[in-house]
Amino acid sequence: MNPTLLVLAAGMGSRYGGLKQIDPVGPSGETLLDYNIFDARRAGFDRVVFVIRRSIEADFKAAISPRYAGKIAIDYAFQELDLLPPGYSVPAGREKPWGTCHAVLAARNAISTPFAIVNADDCYGQDALTRASEHLARLQNQGPVPEYGLVGYPMRNTLSDHGTVSRGVCQTDAAGFLTSVVEETKIERNGRGGRVTRAEGLVTQYTGDEPVSMNLWTFTPEVFGQIETGFKAFLDRSAGDLKAEYYIPSLADALIRSGQARFRVLSTTSNWLGVTYREDKPLVQDGIRRLIDSGAYPAQL
């Protein structure tokens, strides 16, 4: 049973100022998504499920479907505000999506195999997706406590020179399993490390060596029920917050603390490339050119 790649592509791109999921960065018009799909196919993934919004469906499909026809199976799932458990409704004034956990839950009926999650606007690298695929192959027969996983990158390699970024900051035990993961939503570059300045004026400094989640997670379908349970609890406790989001790192932290799952951190030799702000694009284009020069990618996919 080959794994599925779940691509989160419903983000609104408010900081970037455009539909960055399909913005070309390669020398022949390739997107970061194209490089991920290329790497995923080489790593053994044979199906892709895109989570998008109805409002970008036409543009997204027009740009994406012809690229992969005959190369890999494609399906779509839709993340909309009103996709809620029975008994819940969208609060008046709510405009933001419900977060990455909600995006994964939107694909519940489209996935029946072990799967890896990636962002549409990040490039994870061949080795990272190979490590994810290898881990998924080991998850076919789960014990009483399911094992999931994530690929971690050093924080300093994921920060932007043009503004703050959101990252799931991870701590691990001696066996390489996550002990905690906390979503920091406003990390700025500070020398070789990172810094978070909180609303109350408190500052948290990071060395830059800390492993962070770039949203490359490995799961089995068992996680959908766990997400739904956690999503209900999230909705109950954040009813008055119109901007609250339910993040995958928050789910992982809760599952670890309750003993309902464990997460293996997967090491990788891949370099991460991503665009948060439009000013990041030239750096990503340069990174792609270097990878092509090294033989990691052909000049035209």
Protein backbone atom coordinates (compact mmCIF):
# COMPACT_ATOMS: atom_id res chain seq x y z
CA MET A 1 0.00 0.00 0.00
CA ASN A 2 1.73 3.16 -1.18
CA PRO A 3 1.40 6.33 0.90
CA THR A 4 -0.60 9.43 0.04
CA LEU A 5 0.75 12.98 0.01
CA LEU A 6 -1.65 15.47 1.59
CA VAL A 7 -0.89 18.99 0.37
CA LEU A 8 -2.25 21.91 2.40
CA ALA A 9 -2.93 24.61 -0.18
CA ALA A 10 -5.87 26.56 1.26
CA GLY A 11 -3.77 29.26 2.95
CA MET A 12 -4.83 32.80 2.17
CA GLY A 13 -1.29 34.15 1.62
CA SER A 14 -2.02 37.45 3.39
CA ARG A 15 1.64 38.19 4.14
CA TYR A 16 2.81 37.20 0.66
CA GLY A 17 0.23 39.16 -1.29
CA GLY A 18 -0.82 36.58 -3.84
CA LEU A 19 -1.63 32.97 -4.61
CA LYS A 20 1.87 31.77 -3.76
CA GLN A 21 0.90 28.09 -4.09
CA ILE A 22 1.15 28.43 -7.88
CA ASP A 23 3.76 31.20 -8.15
CA PRO A 24 6.64 30.05 -10.41
CA VAL A 25 10.14 29.86 -8.88
CA GLY A 26 11.96 27.42 -11.20
CA PRO A 27 13.79 28.25 -14.46
CA SER A 28 11.02 26.68 -16.56
CA GLY A 29 8.10 28.06 -14.56
CA GLU A 30 8.09 25.33 -11.88
CA THR A 31 6.40 26.03 -8.55
CA LEU A 32 7.61 24.83 -5.16
CA LEU A 33 4.71 22.41 -5.33
CA ASP A 34 6.11 20.94 -8.56
CA TYR A 35 9.37 20.13 -6.80
CA ASN A 36 7.52 18.51 -3.90
CA ILE A 37 5.47 16.32 -6.24
CA PHE A 38 8.61 15.40 -8.19
CA ASP A 39 10.35 14.37 -4.96
CA ALA A 40 7.25 12.58 -3.65
CA ARG A 41 6.95 10.43 -6.77
CA ARG A 42 10.61 9.42 -6.46
CA ALA A 43 10.01 8.58 -2.79
CA GLY A 44 7.13 6.19 -3.55
CA PHE A 45 4.01 8.32 -3.11
CA ASP A 46 1.46 7.46 -5.80
CA ARG A 47 -1.43 9.79 -4.91
CA VAL A 48 -1.84 13.44 -3.95
CA VAL A 49 -4.78 15.04 -2.17
CA PHE A 50 -4.90 18.84 -2.30
CA VAL A 51 -6.76 20.74 0.40
CA ILE A 52 -7.95 24.02 -1.11
CA ARG A 53 -10.74 26.57 -0.76
CA ARG A 54 -13.70 26.69 -3.13
CA SER A 55 -12.82 30.31 -3.93
CA ILE A 56 -9.50 29.32 -5.53
CA GLU A 57 -10.70 26.02 -7.03
CA ALA A 58 -10.87 27.13 -10.66
CA ASP A 59 -7.49 28.91 -10.71
CA PHE A 60 -5.79 26.16 -8.75
CA LYS A 61 -7.10 23.29 -10.85
CA ALA A 62 -6.32 25.12 -14.09
CA ALA A 63 -2.72 25.56 -12.96
CA ILE A 64 -2.22 22.18 -11.29
CA SER A 65 -4.21 19.42 -12.99
CA PRO A 66 -2.52 19.59 -16.43
CA ARG A 67 0.94 19.42 -14.81
CA TYR A 68 0.38 16.03 -13.21
CA ALA A 69 -2.07 14.30 -15.56
CA GLY A 70 -0.84 10.76 -16.16
CA LYS A 71 2.00 11.15 -13.65
CA ILE A 72 0.28 10.76 -10.28
CA ALA A 73 -3.31 10.34 -9.06
CA ILE A 74 -4.90 13.58 -7.86
CA ASP A 75 -7.87 14.32 -5.64
CA TYR A 76 -9.20 17.43 -3.92
CA ALA A 77 -10.71 18.25 -0.54
CA PHE A 78 -12.15 21.60 0.50
CA GLN A 79 -11.49 23.53 3.69
CA GLU A 80 -14.39 25.87 4.38
CA LEU A 81 -15.35 27.74 7.54
CA ASP A 82 -18.63 25.88 7.91
CA LEU A 83 -16.98 22.43 7.87
CA LEU A 84 -17.68 21.86 11.57
CA PRO A 85 -18.76 18.95 13.80
CA PRO A 86 -22.51 18.55 14.41
CA GLY A 87 -23.79 21.07 16.93
CA TYR A 88 -21.26 23.78 16.06
CA SER A 89 -21.67 26.85 13.85
CA VAL A 90 -19.44 29.62 12.52
CA PRO A 91 -19.38 32.59 14.94
CA ALA A 92 -20.50 35.93 13.56
CA GLY A 93 -17.47 37.83 12.29
CA ARG A 94 -15.23 34.79 11.85
CA GLU A 95 -13.22 35.04 8.61
CA LYS A 96 -9.95 33.18 9.23
CA PRO A 97 -9.67 29.46 8.48
CA TRP A 98 -9.64 27.18 11.52
CA GLY A 99 -6.00 26.14 11.10
CA THR A 100 -3.92 23.22 9.87
CA CYS A 101 -5.72 20.55 11.91
CA HIS A 102 -8.99 21.65 10.34
CA ALA A 103 -7.36 21.43 6.90
CA VAL A 104 -6.29 17.85 7.58
CA LEU A 105 -9.75 16.96 8.85
CA ALA A 106 -11.21 18.29 5.59
CA ALA A 107 -9.44 15.42 3.79
CA ARG A 108 -10.84 12.71 6.05
CA ASN A 109 -13.04 11.12 3.40
CA ALA A 110 -10.32 11.27 0.74
CA ILE A 111 -7.58 9.32 2.54
CA SER A 112 -7.50 5.66 3.59
CA THR A 113 -3.74 4.98 3.59
CA PRO A 114 -0.81 6.21 5.71
CA PHE A 115 -0.04 9.75 4.57
CA ALA A 116 2.42 12.61 4.83
CA ILE A 117 1.45 16.26 5.11
CA VAL A 118 3.24 19.11 3.33
CA ASN A 119 2.55 22.78 2.74
CA ALA A 120 2.01 23.76 -0.89
CA ASP A 121 4.35 26.73 -0.54
CA ASP A 122 7.37 24.97 1.00
CA CYS A 123 10.03 22.83 -0.70
CA TYR A 124 11.11 20.00 1.59
CA GLY A 125 13.74 18.17 -0.45
CA GLN A 126 14.17 14.65 -1.78
CA ASP A 127 15.75 13.18 1.35
CA ALA A 128 13.03 14.57 3.62
CA LEU A 129 10.22 13.03 1.59
CA THR A 130 12.12 9.75 1.31
CA ARG A 131 12.49 9.64 5.11
CA ALA A 132 8.76 10.33 5.44
CA SER A 133 7.89 7.56 2.99
CA GLU A 134 10.17 5.08 4.75
CA HIS A 135 8.59 5.93 8.08
CA LEU A 136 5.08 5.49 6.69
CA ALA A 137 6.02 2.02 5.44
CA ARG A 138 6.80 1.06 9.04
CA LEU A 139 3.43 2.30 10.31
CA GLN A 140 1.29 -0.32 8.56
CA ASN A 141 0.82 -2.36 11.75
CA GLN A 142 0.33 -0.03 14.70
CA GLY A 143 0.39 -1.02 18.36
CA PRO A 144 -2.01 0.20 21.05
CA VAL A 145 -0.32 3.62 21.06
CA PRO A 146 0.06 4.84 17.46
CA GLU A 147 3.39 6.16 16.27
CA TYR A 148 3.41 9.18 13.99
CA GLY A 149 6.33 11.33 12.89
CA LEU A 150 7.66 14.62 11.65
CA VAL A 151 10.72 15.86 9.81
CA GLY A 152 12.48 18.59 11.77
CA TYR A 153 14.73 21.36 10.46
CA PRO A 154 17.11 23.62 12.45
CA MET A 155 15.24 26.85 13.21
CA ARG A 156 17.92 29.09 11.72
CA ASN A 157 17.42 27.48 8.32
CA THR A 158 13.72 28.36 8.28
CA LEU A 159 13.61 32.04 9.27
CA SER A 160 12.90 34.99 6.99
CA ASP A 161 14.94 38.17 6.67
CA HIS A 162 11.75 40.07 5.85
CA GLY A 163 9.45 39.55 8.83
CA THR A 164 8.22 37.12 11.46
CA VAL A 165 7.25 33.49 10.81
CA SER A 166 5.27 30.77 12.59
CA ARG A 167 7.10 27.60 13.60
CA GLY A 168 6.40 24.60 15.82
CA VAL A 169 9.40 24.46 18.18
CA CYS A 170 10.23 20.87 19.19
CA GLN A 171 11.96 19.14 22.09
CA THR A 172 12.94 15.46 21.94
CA ASP A 173 13.94 12.71 24.34
CA ALA A 174 17.05 10.51 24.12
CA ALA A 175 15.21 8.03 21.88
CA GLY A 176 14.35 10.70 19.31
CA PHE A 177 10.67 11.09 20.15
CA LEU A 178 8.96 14.43 20.65
CA THR A 179 8.38 15.46 24.23
CA SER A 180 6.75 18.79 23.41
CA VAL A 181 6.02 21.07 20.49
CA VAL A 182 4.87 24.67 20.83
CA GLU A 183 3.63 26.86 18.00
CA GLU A 184 5.44 30.19 18.03
CA THR A 185 3.62 32.57 15.70
CA LYS A 186 6.03 35.54 15.58
CA ILE A 187 9.65 34.37 15.35
CA GLU A 188 12.07 36.91 13.90
CA ARG A 189 15.68 36.35 12.87
CA ASN A 190 18.19 37.50 15.50
CA GLY A 191 21.75 36.86 14.33
CA ARG A 192 22.12 33.10 13.91
CA GLY A 193 19.12 32.45 16.12
CA GLY A 194 15.55 33.56 16.60
CA ARG A 195 13.61 35.81 18.92
CA VAL A 196 9.97 36.10 19.94
CA THR A 197 8.66 39.32 21.52
CA ARG A 198 5.34 38.74 23.23
CA ALA A 199 2.48 41.19 23.71
CA GLU A 200 3.38 41.73 27.36
CA GLY A 201 6.94 42.66 26.40
CA LEU A 202 8.58 39.37 27.38
CA VAL A 203 11.28 38.13 24.99
CA THR A 204 12.17 34.49 24.27
CA GLN A 205 15.56 33.87 22.64
CA TYR A 206 16.38 30.79 20.54
CA THR A 207 19.86 29.63 19.52
CA GLY A 208 18.74 28.57 16.05
CA ASP A 209 19.68 24.92 16.61
CA GLU A 210 16.22 24.00 17.87
CA PRO A 211 14.37 21.56 15.58
CA VAL A 212 11.19 23.07 14.21
CA SER A 213 8.27 21.62 12.34
CA MET A 214 7.79 22.81 8.79
CA ASN A 215 4.55 20.82 8.66
CA LEU A 216 6.04 17.65 7.14
CA TRP A 217 4.20 15.13 9.32
CA THR A 218 3.52 11.41 8.90
CA PHE A 219 0.20 9.93 10.06
CA THR A 220 -2.12 6.98 9.68
CA PRO A 221 -5.89 7.49 9.17
CA GLU A 222 -6.36 6.82 12.89
CA VAL A 223 -5.41 10.45 13.48
CA PHE A 224 -8.65 11.77 11.95
CA GLY A 225 -10.71 10.68 14.96
CA GLN A 226 -8.12 12.20 17.29
CA ILE A 227 -8.23 15.49 15.40
CA GLU A 228 -12.02 15.61 15.54
CA THR A 229 -11.98 15.10 19.31
CA GLY A 230 -9.34 17.79 19.73
CA PHE A 231 -11.13 20.16 17.36
CA LYS A 232 -14.31 20.00 19.43
CA ALA A 233 -12.33 20.84 22.57
CA PHE A 234 -10.64 23.69 20.70
CA LEU A 235 -13.99 25.11 19.56
CA ASP A 236 -15.35 24.93 23.10
CA ARG A 237 -12.45 26.79 24.70
CA SER A 238 -11.93 29.40 21.96
CA ALA A 239 -15.55 30.29 21.18
CA GLY A 240 -14.99 34.02 21.72
CA ASP A 241 -11.72 34.29 19.78
CA LEU A 242 -12.42 35.00 16.11
CA LYS A 243 -8.77 34.47 15.11
CA ALA A 244 -7.91 31.32 17.07
CA GLU A 245 -6.56 28.43 14.99
CA TYR A 246 -6.09 24.73 15.75
CA TYR A 247 -2.55 23.83 14.70
CA ILE A 248 -1.05 20.39 14.13
CA PRO A 249 1.73 21.07 16.69
CA SER A 250 -0.99 21.74 19.28
CA LEU A 251 -2.58 18.38 18.43
CA ALA A 252 0.78 16.61 18.69
CA ASP A 253 1.53 18.20 22.04
CA ALA A 254 -1.86 17.15 23.44
CA LEU A 255 -1.54 13.57 22.15
CA ILE A 256 1.96 13.24 23.60
CA ARG A 257 0.96 14.60 27.00
CA SER A 258 -2.08 12.32 27.20
CA GLY A 259 -0.15 9.24 26.03
CA GLN A 260 -2.45 8.77 23.02
CA ALA A 261 0.38 8.85 20.46
CA ARG A 262 4.09 9.29 20.11
CA PHE A 263 5.94 11.15 17.38
CA ARG A 264 9.33 10.14 16.03
CA VAL A 265 11.47 13.04 14.81
CA LEU A 266 12.95 12.10 11.44
CA SER A 267 16.36 13.52 10.60
CA THR A 268 17.08 14.71 7.08
CA THR A 269 19.95 16.03 5.01
CA SER A 270 17.55 18.10 2.89
CA ASN A 271 17.53 21.87 2.95
CA TRP A 272 14.14 23.54 3.37
CA LEU A 273 13.07 26.33 1.03
CA GLY A 274 9.97 28.44 1.51
CA VAL A 275 8.35 31.77 0.78
CA THR A 276 6.55 33.66 3.53
CA TYR A 277 6.96 37.17 2.12
CA ARG A 278 7.30 38.20 -1.53
CA GLU A 279 10.80 39.45 -0.73
CA ASP A 280 11.81 35.84 0.05
CA LYS A 281 11.23 34.73 -3.54
CA PRO A 282 14.69 35.63 -4.98
CA LEU A 283 16.37 33.62 -2.21
CA VAL A 284 14.21 30.61 -3.03
CA GLN A 285 14.92 30.95 -6.75
CA ASP A 286 18.64 31.02 -5.98
CA GLY A 287 18.27 27.92 -3.79
CA ILE A 288 16.50 26.07 -6.60
CA ARG A 289 19.25 27.04 -9.04
CA ARG A 290 21.90 25.66 -6.67
CA LEU A 291 19.99 22.39 -6.35
CA ILE A 292 19.75 22.10 -10.13
CA ASP A 293 23.48 22.78 -10.44
CA SER A 294 24.19 20.04 -7.87
CA GLY A 295 22.13 17.52 -9.84
CA ALA A 296 19.29 17.27 -7.33
CA TYR A 297 16.77 18.41 -9.97
CA PRO A 298 16.78 18.56 -13.76
CA ALA A 299 16.68 22.02 -15.33
CA GLN A 300 13.11 21.28 -16.41
CA LEU A 301 10.87 18.94 -14.44
